[in-house]
Amino acid sequence: MVEVLGTPWQYPFMVRALGAAVIAGATCAVVGTYVVLRGMAFFGDALAHAVLPGLAVGYLVHRGSRGPLVFWALGTAALTALGIGALTRQGKLREDTAIGIVFAAMFALGIALISTVRGYAVDLTHFLFGNVLAVSRTDLWVMLGMGVGVIAAVVLMYRAFLVVSFDPEFARTMRLPARLYGNILLVLLAVTVVVSLRVVGVALVLSMLITPPATAYLLTRRLPATMALAAGLGAWAGFVGLYVSFYAGVAAGPAIVLVATAFFLVVLGYTLVRGGVLGRARLGR
């Protein structure tokens, strides 16, 4: 058993992958708590797919160098988030309509750019489905800096985000700049998506934004406790998912997502059984 548990961590690439998975899982869970509570799942999915043109352009401009891609992706994600917010605030389009238009256009643009150069398309598929085992030390430090920055911003602006998210009228009464804080939250979501690209990829990042917070929400309704529990579940899913990937021979990104989903199903089953037992106990009284 000791050998089974310890073997994966004899390889430096697995240790780096673990660090990346824990950072991405915790960061996604903290920001994803707002995504779940505010009903922004479609927005998160659109933002994840909208980074594709930035990745493609960055890859073409830098002739295959992967280092600068994270900054191209970040710029594209931030502009997309702010653009959707601006379209929605005009009042002429529903939020889901604006998201659908931008999401489809950006994703199509990304695919079109990738298709122009056949050699680049193979490498860029790693960003669609993740390639956490290829994370370098530099990638890890960049992810750590971005992840710590996102979580620190959420902690520092926790009260403002709480008021703006759940009571906009009260926020206006307190003269809080609701639009500014809303834009900051969108940018933080964009940074979170970019942090997760190397771990689970564009196609799966929504799951890491939604599943751990949804799991935590089944167990507690207090927002700080939900965030903390979701961060732990996201990090733990990354840890267990890498074991599954190593021994089952499957891709690491999907393995992490499947483990997070398994956690959700177990907790959901527990709450249903517990609710049924408590319900019968009350009837028995």
C-alpha atoms as a PDB file:
ATOM      1  CA  MET A   1       0.000   0.000   0.000  1.00  0.00           C
ATOM      2  CA  VAL A   2       2.841   2.397   0.843  1.00  0.00           C
ATOM      3  CA  GLU A   3       4.446   1.648  -2.512  1.00  0.00           C
ATOM      4  CA  VAL A   4       1.156   2.198  -4.357  1.00  0.00           C
ATOM      5  CA  LEU A   5       0.588   5.537  -2.621  1.00  0.00           C
ATOM      6  CA  GLY A   6       4.154   6.758  -2.982  1.00  0.00           C
ATOM      7  CA  THR A   7       5.093   5.625  -6.502  1.00  0.00           C
ATOM      8  CA  PRO A   8       3.437   8.496  -8.460  1.00  0.00           C
ATOM      9  CA  TRP A   9       5.324  11.140  -6.480  1.00  0.00           C
ATOM     10  CA  GLN A  10       8.732   9.743  -7.407  1.00  0.00           C
ATOM     11  CA  TYR A  11       8.316  11.531 -10.733  1.00  0.00           C
ATOM     12  CA  PRO A  12       8.912  15.312 -10.778  1.00  0.00           C
ATOM     13  CA  PHE A  13       6.219  15.863 -13.418  1.00  0.00           C
ATOM     14  CA  MET A  14       3.642  14.271 -11.096  1.00  0.00           C
ATOM     15  CA  VAL A  15       4.663  16.550  -8.226  1.00  0.00           C
ATOM     16  CA  ARG A  16       4.304  19.596 -10.486  1.00  0.00           C
ATOM     17  CA  ALA A  17       0.966  18.264 -11.730  1.00  0.00           C
ATOM     18  CA  LEU A  18      -0.237  17.900  -8.138  1.00  0.00           C
ATOM     19  CA  GLY A  19       0.682  21.496  -7.360  1.00  0.00           C
ATOM     20  CA  ALA A  20      -1.111  22.723 -10.481  1.00  0.00           C
ATOM     21  CA  ALA A  21      -4.216  20.610  -9.770  1.00  0.00           C
ATOM     22  CA  VAL A  22      -4.465  21.826  -6.162  1.00  0.00           C
ATOM     23  CA  ILE A  23      -4.032  25.481  -7.179  1.00  0.00           C
ATOM     24  CA  ALA A  24      -6.594  25.237  -9.976  1.00  0.00           C
ATOM     25  CA  GLY A  25      -9.060  23.227  -7.888  1.00  0.00           C
ATOM     26  CA  ALA A  26      -8.996  25.639  -4.959  1.00  0.00           C
ATOM     27  CA  THR A  27      -9.131  28.795  -7.109  1.00  0.00           C
ATOM     28  CA  CYS A  28     -11.997  27.482  -9.249  1.00  0.00           C
ATOM     29  CA  ALA A  29     -13.943  26.491  -6.152  1.00  0.00           C
ATOM     30  CA  VAL A  30     -13.658  29.889  -4.447  1.00  0.00           C
ATOM     31  CA  VAL A  31     -14.718  31.915  -7.496  1.00  0.00           C
ATOM     32  CA  GLY A  32     -17.123  29.185  -8.572  1.00  0.00           C
ATOM     33  CA  THR A  33     -19.085  29.690  -5.361  1.00  0.00           C
ATOM     34  CA  TYR A  34     -20.241  33.043  -6.740  1.00  0.00           C
ATOM     35  CA  VAL A  35     -20.881  31.427 -10.127  1.00  0.00           C
ATOM     36  CA  VAL A  36     -23.209  28.870  -8.516  1.00  0.00           C
ATOM     37  CA  LEU A  37     -25.013  31.268  -6.182  1.00  0.00           C
ATOM     38  CA  ARG A  38     -25.527  33.923  -8.873  1.00  0.00           C
ATOM     39  CA  GLY A  39     -26.592  31.464 -11.568  1.00  0.00           C
ATOM     40  CA  MET A  40     -23.630  32.321 -13.833  1.00  0.00           C
ATOM     41  CA  ALA A  41     -22.875  28.788 -15.070  1.00  0.00           C
ATOM     42  CA  PHE A  42     -23.539  29.664 -18.711  1.00  0.00           C
ATOM     43  CA  PHE A  43     -21.327  32.725 -18.339  1.00  0.00           C
ATOM     44  CA  GLY A  44     -18.467  30.610 -16.988  1.00  0.00           C
ATOM     45  CA  ASP A  45     -18.773  28.117 -19.823  1.00  0.00           C
ATOM     46  CA  ALA A  46     -18.806  30.903 -22.425  1.00  0.00           C
ATOM     47  CA  LEU A  47     -15.753  32.522 -20.866  1.00  0.00           C
ATOM     48  CA  ALA A  48     -13.842  29.247 -20.894  1.00  0.00           C
ATOM     49  CA  HIS A  49     -14.460  28.766 -24.606  1.00  0.00           C
ATOM     50  CA  ALA A  50     -13.873  32.423 -25.445  1.00  0.00           C
ATOM     51  CA  VAL A  51     -10.150  32.195 -24.576  1.00  0.00           C
ATOM     52  CA  LEU A  52      -9.544  29.983 -27.605  1.00  0.00           C
ATOM     53  CA  PRO A  53      -8.908  32.842 -30.091  1.00  0.00           C
ATOM     54  CA  GLY A  54      -6.369  34.368 -27.697  1.00  0.00           C
ATOM     55  CA  LEU A  55      -4.557  31.044 -27.394  1.00  0.00           C
ATOM     56  CA  ALA A  56      -4.524  30.583 -31.153  1.00  0.00           C
ATOM     57  CA  VAL A  57      -3.302  34.112 -31.910  1.00  0.00           C
ATOM     58  CA  GLY A  58      -0.639  33.903 -29.194  1.00  0.00           C
ATOM     59  CA  TYR A  59       0.559  30.575 -30.516  1.00  0.00           C
ATOM     60  CA  LEU A  60       0.821  31.920 -34.041  1.00  0.00           C
ATOM     61  CA  VAL A  61       2.487  35.201 -33.047  1.00  0.00           C
ATOM     62  CA  HIS A  62       5.108  33.528 -30.870  1.00  0.00           C
ATOM     63  CA  ARG A  63       5.720  30.695 -33.366  1.00  0.00           C
ATOM     64  CA  GLY A  64       4.747  27.845 -31.090  1.00  0.00           C
ATOM     65  CA  SER A  65       6.194  29.138 -27.823  1.00  0.00           C
ATOM     66  CA  ARG A  66       3.843  28.277 -24.971  1.00  0.00           C
ATOM     67  CA  GLY A  67       5.177  30.665 -22.354  1.00  0.00           C
ATOM     68  CA  PRO A  68       3.290  33.820 -23.432  1.00  0.00           C
ATOM     69  CA  LEU A  69       0.019  31.987 -24.167  1.00  0.00           C
ATOM     70  CA  VAL A  70      -1.324  32.463 -20.655  1.00  0.00           C
ATOM     71  CA  PHE A  71      -1.209  36.249 -21.072  1.00  0.00           C
ATOM     72  CA  TRP A  72      -2.962  36.132 -24.437  1.00  0.00           C
ATOM     73  CA  ALA A  73      -5.629  33.901 -22.909  1.00  0.00           C
ATOM     74  CA  LEU A  74      -5.972  36.219 -19.915  1.00  0.00           C
ATOM     75  CA  GLY A  75      -6.390  39.291 -22.112  1.00  0.00           C
ATOM     76  CA  THR A  76      -9.003  37.587 -24.275  1.00  0.00           C
ATOM     77  CA  ALA A  77     -10.931  36.287 -21.268  1.00  0.00           C
ATOM     78  CA  ALA A  78     -10.953  39.669 -19.520  1.00  0.00           C
ATOM     79  CA  LEU A  79     -12.096  41.520 -22.659  1.00  0.00           C
ATOM     80  CA  THR A  80     -14.807  38.926 -23.284  1.00  0.00           C
ATOM     81  CA  ALA A  81     -16.087  39.131 -19.711  1.00  0.00           C
ATOM     82  CA  LEU A  82     -16.237  42.927 -19.772  1.00  0.00           C
ATOM     83  CA  GLY A  83     -17.784  42.889 -23.258  1.00  0.00           C
ATOM     84  CA  ILE A  84     -20.593  40.572 -22.184  1.00  0.00           C
ATOM     85  CA  GLY A  85     -21.173  42.742 -19.115  1.00  0.00           C
ATOM     86  CA  ALA A  86     -21.365  45.872 -21.268  1.00  0.00           C
ATOM     87  CA  LEU A  87     -23.804  44.274 -23.728  1.00  0.00           C
ATOM     88  CA  THR A  88     -26.026  43.119 -20.891  1.00  0.00           C
ATOM     89  CA  ARG A  89     -26.107  46.530 -19.190  1.00  0.00           C
ATOM     90  CA  GLN A  90     -27.404  48.199 -22.349  1.00  0.00           C
ATOM     91  CA  GLY A  91     -30.763  46.659 -21.546  1.00  0.00           C
ATOM     92  CA  LYS A  92     -31.494  45.708 -25.155  1.00  0.00           C
ATOM     93  CA  LEU A  93     -30.354  42.101 -24.812  1.00  0.00           C
ATOM     94  CA  ARG A  94     -30.990  39.475 -22.166  1.00  0.00           C
ATOM     95  CA  GLU A  95     -27.834  38.241 -20.456  1.00  0.00           C
ATOM     96  CA  ASP A  96     -28.133  34.705 -21.830  1.00  0.00           C
ATOM     97  CA  THR A  97     -28.606  36.087 -25.355  1.00  0.00           C
ATOM     98  CA  ALA A  98     -25.516  38.305 -25.113  1.00  0.00           C
ATOM     99  CA  ILE A  99     -23.489  35.402 -23.709  1.00  0.00           C
ATOM    100  CA  GLY A 100     -24.668  33.073 -26.481  1.00  0.00           C
ATOM    101  CA  ILE A 101     -23.694  35.538 -29.216  1.00  0.00           C
ATOM    102  CA  VAL A 102     -20.219  36.245 -27.831  1.00  0.00           C
ATOM    103  CA  PHE A 103     -19.577  32.623 -26.873  1.00  0.00           C
ATOM    104  CA  ALA A 104     -20.417  31.261 -30.332  1.00  0.00           C
ATOM    105  CA  ALA A 105     -18.490  33.970 -32.172  1.00  0.00           C
ATOM    106  CA  MET A 106     -15.328  33.669 -30.082  1.00  0.00           C
ATOM    107  CA  PHE A 107     -15.293  29.881 -30.150  1.00  0.00           C
ATOM    108  CA  ALA A 108     -15.816  29.851 -33.930  1.00  0.00           C
ATOM    109  CA  LEU A 109     -13.009  32.392 -34.355  1.00  0.00           C
ATOM    110  CA  GLY A 110     -10.679  30.233 -32.274  1.00  0.00           C
ATOM    111  CA  ILE A 111     -11.454  27.093 -34.281  1.00  0.00           C
ATOM    112  CA  ALA A 112     -11.013  29.028 -37.535  1.00  0.00           C
ATOM    113  CA  LEU A 113      -7.597  30.296 -36.467  1.00  0.00           C
ATOM    114  CA  ILE A 114      -6.476  26.867 -35.310  1.00  0.00           C
ATOM    115  CA  SER A 115      -7.551  25.299 -38.596  1.00  0.00           C
ATOM    116  CA  THR A 116      -5.345  27.630 -40.632  1.00  0.00           C
ATOM    117  CA  VAL A 117      -2.097  25.972 -39.545  1.00  0.00           C
ATOM    118  CA  ARG A 118      -2.244  22.210 -39.244  1.00  0.00           C
ATOM    119  CA  GLY A 119       0.921  21.837 -37.182  1.00  0.00           C
ATOM    120  CA  TYR A 120      -0.324  24.091 -34.401  1.00  0.00           C
ATOM    121  CA  ALA A 121      -3.699  22.393 -34.093  1.00  0.00           C
ATOM    122  CA  VAL A 122      -2.268  19.310 -32.393  1.00  0.00           C
ATOM    123  CA  ASP A 123      -0.628  21.295 -29.579  1.00  0.00           C
ATOM    124  CA  LEU A 124      -3.610  23.575 -29.079  1.00  0.00           C
ATOM    125  CA  THR A 125      -5.863  20.568 -28.430  1.00  0.00           C
ATOM    126  CA  HIS A 126      -4.020  20.280 -25.101  1.00  0.00           C
ATOM    127  CA  PHE A 127      -5.734  23.514 -24.083  1.00  0.00           C
ATOM    128  CA  LEU A 128      -9.117  22.072 -25.029  1.00  0.00           C
ATOM    129  CA  PHE A 129      -8.774  19.053 -22.734  1.00  0.00           C
ATOM    130  CA  GLY A 130      -5.892  19.947 -20.441  1.00  0.00           C
ATOM    131  CA  ASN A 131      -2.355  18.584 -20.121  1.00  0.00           C
ATOM    132  CA  VAL A 132      -1.474  18.938 -16.464  1.00  0.00           C
ATOM    133  CA  LEU A 133       1.372  16.421 -16.711  1.00  0.00           C
ATOM    134  CA  ALA A 134       3.259  18.845 -18.967  1.00  0.00           C
ATOM    135  CA  VAL A 135       3.193  21.746 -16.475  1.00  0.00           C
ATOM    136  CA  SER A 136       6.650  23.267 -16.032  1.00  0.00           C
ATOM    137  CA  ARG A 137       8.083  25.012 -12.982  1.00  0.00           C
ATOM    138  CA  THR A 138       7.492  28.376 -14.639  1.00  0.00           C
ATOM    139  CA  ASP A 139       3.867  27.439 -15.383  1.00  0.00           C
ATOM    140  CA  LEU A 140       3.435  26.405 -11.770  1.00  0.00           C
ATOM    141  CA  TRP A 141       4.761  29.694 -10.392  1.00  0.00           C
ATOM    142  CA  VAL A 142       2.558  31.683 -12.769  1.00  0.00           C
ATOM    143  CA  MET A 143      -0.478  29.640 -11.723  1.00  0.00           C
ATOM    144  CA  LEU A 144       0.393  30.085  -8.054  1.00  0.00           C
ATOM    145  CA  GLY A 145       0.737  33.848  -8.420  1.00  0.00           C
ATOM    146  CA  MET A 146      -2.561  34.158 -10.273  1.00  0.00           C
ATOM    147  CA  GLY A 147      -4.395  31.802  -7.932  1.00  0.00           C
ATOM    148  CA  VAL A 148      -3.174  33.534  -4.777  1.00  0.00           C
ATOM    149  CA  GLY A 149      -4.063  36.901  -6.339  1.00  0.00           C
ATOM    150  CA  VAL A 150      -7.616  35.773  -7.118  1.00  0.00           C
ATOM    151  CA  ILE A 151      -8.248  34.315  -3.656  1.00  0.00           C
ATOM    152  CA  ALA A 152      -6.710  37.369  -1.957  1.00  0.00           C
ATOM    153  CA  ALA A 153      -8.976  39.671  -3.995  1.00  0.00           C
ATOM    154  CA  VAL A 154     -12.052  37.633  -3.028  1.00  0.00           C
ATOM    155  CA  VAL A 155     -11.075  37.805   0.658  1.00  0.00           C
ATOM    156  CA  LEU A 156     -10.360  41.549   0.569  1.00  0.00           C
ATOM    157  CA  MET A 157     -13.586  42.401  -1.284  1.00  0.00           C
ATOM    158  CA  TYR A 158     -15.745  39.709   0.283  1.00  0.00           C
ATOM    159  CA  ARG A 159     -18.308  42.054   1.862  1.00  0.00           C
ATOM    160  CA  ALA A 160     -18.634  44.210  -1.249  1.00  0.00           C
ATOM    161  CA  PHE A 161     -19.108  41.140  -3.489  1.00  0.00           C
ATOM    162  CA  LEU A 162     -21.665  39.771  -1.028  1.00  0.00           C
ATOM    163  CA  VAL A 163     -23.770  42.951  -1.019  1.00  0.00           C
ATOM    164  CA  VAL A 164     -23.515  43.550  -4.777  1.00  0.00           C
ATOM    165  CA  SER A 165     -24.391  39.916  -5.542  1.00  0.00           C
ATOM    166  CA  PHE A 166     -27.364  39.454  -3.251  1.00  0.00           C
ATOM    167  CA  ASP A 167     -28.795  42.918  -2.561  1.00  0.00           C
ATOM    168  CA  PRO A 168     -28.051  45.415  -5.375  1.00  0.00           C
ATOM    169  CA  GLU A 169     -30.596  47.892  -3.973  1.00  0.00           C
ATOM    170  CA  PHE A 170     -28.826  47.959  -0.612  1.00  0.00           C
ATOM    171  CA  ALA A 171     -25.517  48.362  -2.438  1.00  0.00           C
ATOM    172  CA  ARG A 172     -26.848  51.490  -4.152  1.00  0.00           C
ATOM    173  CA  THR A 173     -28.096  52.772  -0.807  1.00  0.00           C
ATOM    174  CA  MET A 174     -24.590  52.325   0.619  1.00  0.00           C
ATOM    175  CA  ARG A 175     -23.216  54.073  -2.497  1.00  0.00           C
ATOM    176  CA  LEU A 176     -21.104  51.081  -3.387  1.00  0.00           C
ATOM    177  CA  PRO A 177     -19.832  51.149  -6.995  1.00  0.00           C
ATOM    178  CA  ALA A 178     -21.823  48.076  -7.978  1.00  0.00           C
ATOM    179  CA  ARG A 179     -20.717  48.175 -11.625  1.00  0.00           C
ATOM    180  CA  LEU A 180     -17.050  48.348 -10.654  1.00  0.00           C
ATOM    181  CA  TYR A 181     -17.299  45.401  -8.278  1.00  0.00           C
ATOM    182  CA  GLY A 182     -19.307  43.464 -10.847  1.00  0.00           C
ATOM    183  CA  ASN A 183     -16.567  44.020 -13.421  1.00  0.00           C
ATOM    184  CA  ILE A 184     -13.879  43.018 -10.925  1.00  0.00           C
ATOM    185  CA  LEU A 185     -15.721  39.764 -10.253  1.00  0.00           C
ATOM    186  CA  LEU A 186     -15.932  39.095 -13.993  1.00  0.00           C
ATOM    187  CA  VAL A 187     -12.198  39.689 -14.376  1.00  0.00           C
ATOM    188  CA  LEU A 188     -11.475  37.367 -11.445  1.00  0.00           C
ATOM    189  CA  LEU A 189     -13.584  34.723 -13.159  1.00  0.00           C
ATOM    190  CA  ALA A 190     -11.555  35.260 -16.325  1.00  0.00           C
ATOM    191  CA  VAL A 191      -8.269  34.836 -14.426  1.00  0.00           C
ATOM    192  CA  THR A 192      -9.619  31.677 -12.798  1.00  0.00           C
ATOM    193  CA  VAL A 193     -10.483  30.188 -16.179  1.00  0.00           C
ATOM    194  CA  VAL A 194      -6.936  30.867 -17.395  1.00  0.00           C
ATOM    195  CA  VAL A 195      -5.438  29.336 -14.222  1.00  0.00           C
ATOM    196  CA  SER A 196      -7.314  26.110 -14.946  1.00  0.00           C
ATOM    197  CA  LEU A 197      -6.529  25.767 -18.640  1.00  0.00           C
ATOM    198  CA  ARG A 198      -3.433  23.598 -18.254  1.00  0.00           C
ATOM    199  CA  VAL A 199      -5.154  21.323 -15.722  1.00  0.00           C
ATOM    200  CA  VAL A 200      -8.577  20.485 -17.171  1.00  0.00           C
ATOM    201  CA  GLY A 201      -8.703  22.495 -20.398  1.00  0.00           C
ATOM    202  CA  VAL A 202     -11.307  24.721 -21.989  1.00  0.00           C
ATOM    203  CA  ALA A 203     -13.822  21.903 -22.423  1.00  0.00           C
ATOM    204  CA  LEU A 204     -13.849  20.857 -18.752  1.00  0.00           C
ATOM    205  CA  VAL A 205     -13.159  24.029 -16.777  1.00  0.00           C
ATOM    206  CA  LEU A 206     -16.875  24.632 -16.152  1.00  0.00           C
ATOM    207  CA  SER A 207     -17.053  21.425 -14.142  1.00  0.00           C
ATOM    208  CA  MET A 208     -14.335  22.614 -11.737  1.00  0.00           C
ATOM    209  CA  LEU A 209     -16.092  25.974 -11.390  1.00  0.00           C
ATOM    210  CA  ILE A 210     -19.470  24.395 -10.625  1.00  0.00           C
ATOM    211  CA  THR A 211     -19.109  20.919  -9.115  1.00  0.00           C
ATOM    212  CA  PRO A 212     -17.062  21.545  -5.913  1.00  0.00           C
ATOM    213  CA  PRO A 213     -19.155  24.607  -4.879  1.00  0.00           C
ATOM    214  CA  ALA A 214     -22.377  22.728  -5.650  1.00  0.00           C
ATOM    215  CA  THR A 215     -21.146  19.833  -3.515  1.00  0.00           C
ATOM    216  CA  ALA A 216     -20.258  22.159  -0.649  1.00  0.00           C
ATOM    217  CA  TYR A 217     -23.624  23.919  -0.942  1.00  0.00           C
ATOM    218  CA  LEU A 218     -25.354  20.610  -0.178  1.00  0.00           C
ATOM    219  CA  LEU A 219     -23.552  20.492   3.174  1.00  0.00           C
ATOM    220  CA  THR A 220     -23.603  24.124   4.334  1.00  0.00           C
ATOM    221  CA  ARG A 221     -25.425  27.332   3.423  1.00  0.00           C
ATOM    222  CA  ARG A 222     -22.995  29.803   5.009  1.00  0.00           C
ATOM    223  CA  LEU A 223     -20.976  31.460   2.254  1.00  0.00           C
ATOM    224  CA  PRO A 224     -17.533  31.447   3.973  1.00  0.00           C
ATOM    225  CA  ALA A 225     -17.968  27.790   4.946  1.00  0.00           C
ATOM    226  CA  THR A 226     -19.137  26.949   1.412  1.00  0.00           C
ATOM    227  CA  MET A 227     -16.042  28.590  -0.089  1.00  0.00           C
ATOM    228  CA  ALA A 228     -13.650  26.867   2.303  1.00  0.00           C
ATOM    229  CA  LEU A 229     -15.264  23.455   1.858  1.00  0.00           C
ATOM    230  CA  ALA A 230     -15.453  23.874  -1.924  1.00  0.00           C
ATOM    231  CA  ALA A 231     -11.748  24.801  -2.055  1.00  0.00           C
ATOM    232  CA  GLY A 232     -10.892  21.659  -0.071  1.00  0.00           C
ATOM    233  CA  LEU A 233     -13.055  19.485  -2.318  1.00  0.00           C
ATOM    234  CA  GLY A 234     -11.525  20.994  -5.462  1.00  0.00           C
ATOM    235  CA  ALA A 235      -7.981  20.429  -4.222  1.00  0.00           C
ATOM    236  CA  TRP A 236      -8.798  16.894  -3.055  1.00  0.00           C
ATOM    237  CA  ALA A 237     -10.392  16.079  -6.428  1.00  0.00           C
ATOM    238  CA  GLY A 238      -7.130  17.117  -8.076  1.00  0.00           C
ATOM    239  CA  PHE A 239      -5.106  14.888  -5.745  1.00  0.00           C
ATOM    240  CA  VAL A 240      -7.300  11.800  -6.139  1.00  0.00           C
ATOM    241  CA  GLY A 241      -7.784  12.430  -9.858  1.00  0.00           C
ATOM    242  CA  LEU A 242      -4.037  12.249 -10.444  1.00  0.00           C
ATOM    243  CA  TYR A 243      -3.917   8.846  -8.723  1.00  0.00           C
ATOM    244  CA  VAL A 244      -6.751   7.650 -10.965  1.00  0.00           C
ATOM    245  CA  SER A 245      -4.954   9.010 -14.017  1.00  0.00           C
ATOM    246  CA  PHE A 246      -1.643   7.395 -13.066  1.00  0.00           C
ATOM    247  CA  TYR A 247      -2.959   3.907 -12.348  1.00  0.00           C
ATOM    248  CA  ALA A 248      -5.903   3.739 -14.781  1.00  0.00           C
ATOM    249  CA  GLY A 249      -3.940   5.218 -17.687  1.00  0.00           C
ATOM    250  CA  VAL A 250      -6.544   7.891 -18.490  1.00  0.00           C
ATOM    251  CA  ALA A 251      -6.087  11.608 -19.181  1.00  0.00           C
ATOM    252  CA  ALA A 252      -5.547  13.603 -15.984  1.00  0.00           C
ATOM    253  CA  GLY A 253      -8.038  16.418 -16.698  1.00  0.00           C
ATOM    254  CA  PRO A 254     -11.072  14.177 -17.251  1.00  0.00           C
ATOM    255  CA  ALA A 255     -10.014  12.003 -14.288  1.00  0.00           C
ATOM    256  CA  ILE A 256     -10.022  15.050 -11.976  1.00  0.00           C
ATOM    257  CA  VAL A 257     -13.450  16.119 -13.235  1.00  0.00           C
ATOM    258  CA  LEU A 258     -14.872  12.600 -12.793  1.00  0.00           C
ATOM    259  CA  VAL A 259     -13.564  12.426  -9.223  1.00  0.00           C
ATOM    260  CA  ALA A 260     -15.154  15.807  -8.433  1.00  0.00           C
ATOM    261  CA  THR A 261     -18.425  14.517  -9.901  1.00  0.00           C
ATOM    262  CA  ALA A 262     -18.171  11.351  -7.816  1.00  0.00           C
ATOM    263  CA  PHE A 263     -17.772  13.487  -4.674  1.00  0.00           C
ATOM    264  CA  PHE A 264     -20.930  15.375  -5.652  1.00  0.00           C
ATOM    265  CA  LEU A 265     -22.933  12.182  -6.190  1.00  0.00           C
ATOM    266  CA  VAL A 266     -21.796  10.718  -2.862  1.00  0.00           C
ATOM    267  CA  VAL A 267     -22.729  13.893  -0.976  1.00  0.00           C
ATOM    268  CA  LEU A 268     -26.032  14.143  -2.843  1.00  0.00           C
ATOM    269  CA  GLY A 269     -26.862  10.556  -1.917  1.00  0.00           C
ATOM    270  CA  TYR A 270     -25.922  11.243   1.697  1.00  0.00           C
ATOM    271  CA  THR A 271     -28.158  14.314   1.895  1.00  0.00           C
ATOM    272  CA  LEU A 272     -31.074  12.477   0.296  1.00  0.00           C
ATOM    273  CA  VAL A 273     -30.763   9.541   2.695  1.00  0.00           C
ATOM    274  CA  ARG A 274     -30.264  11.845   5.670  1.00  0.00           C
ATOM    275  CA  GLY A 275     -33.262  13.959   4.627  1.00  0.00           C
ATOM    276  CA  GLY A 276     -35.423  10.851   4.292  1.00  0.00           C
ATOM    277  CA  VAL A 277     -34.372   9.517   7.698  1.00  0.00           C
ATOM    278  CA  LEU A 278     -34.990  12.860   9.395  1.00  0.00           C
ATOM    279  CA  GLY A 279     -38.332  13.194   7.622  1.00  0.00           C
ATOM    280  CA  ARG A 280     -39.480   9.780   8.858  1.00  0.00           C
ATOM    281  CA  ALA A 281     -38.260  10.615  12.365  1.00  0.00           C
ATOM    282  CA  ARG A 282     -40.348  13.793  12.405  1.00  0.00           C
ATOM    283  CA  LEU A 283     -43.394  11.899  11.193  1.00  0.00           C
ATOM    284  CA  GLY A 284     -42.835   9.304  13.903  1.00  0.00           C
ATOM    285  CA  ARG A 285     -43.082  12.019  16.528  1.00  0.00           C
END
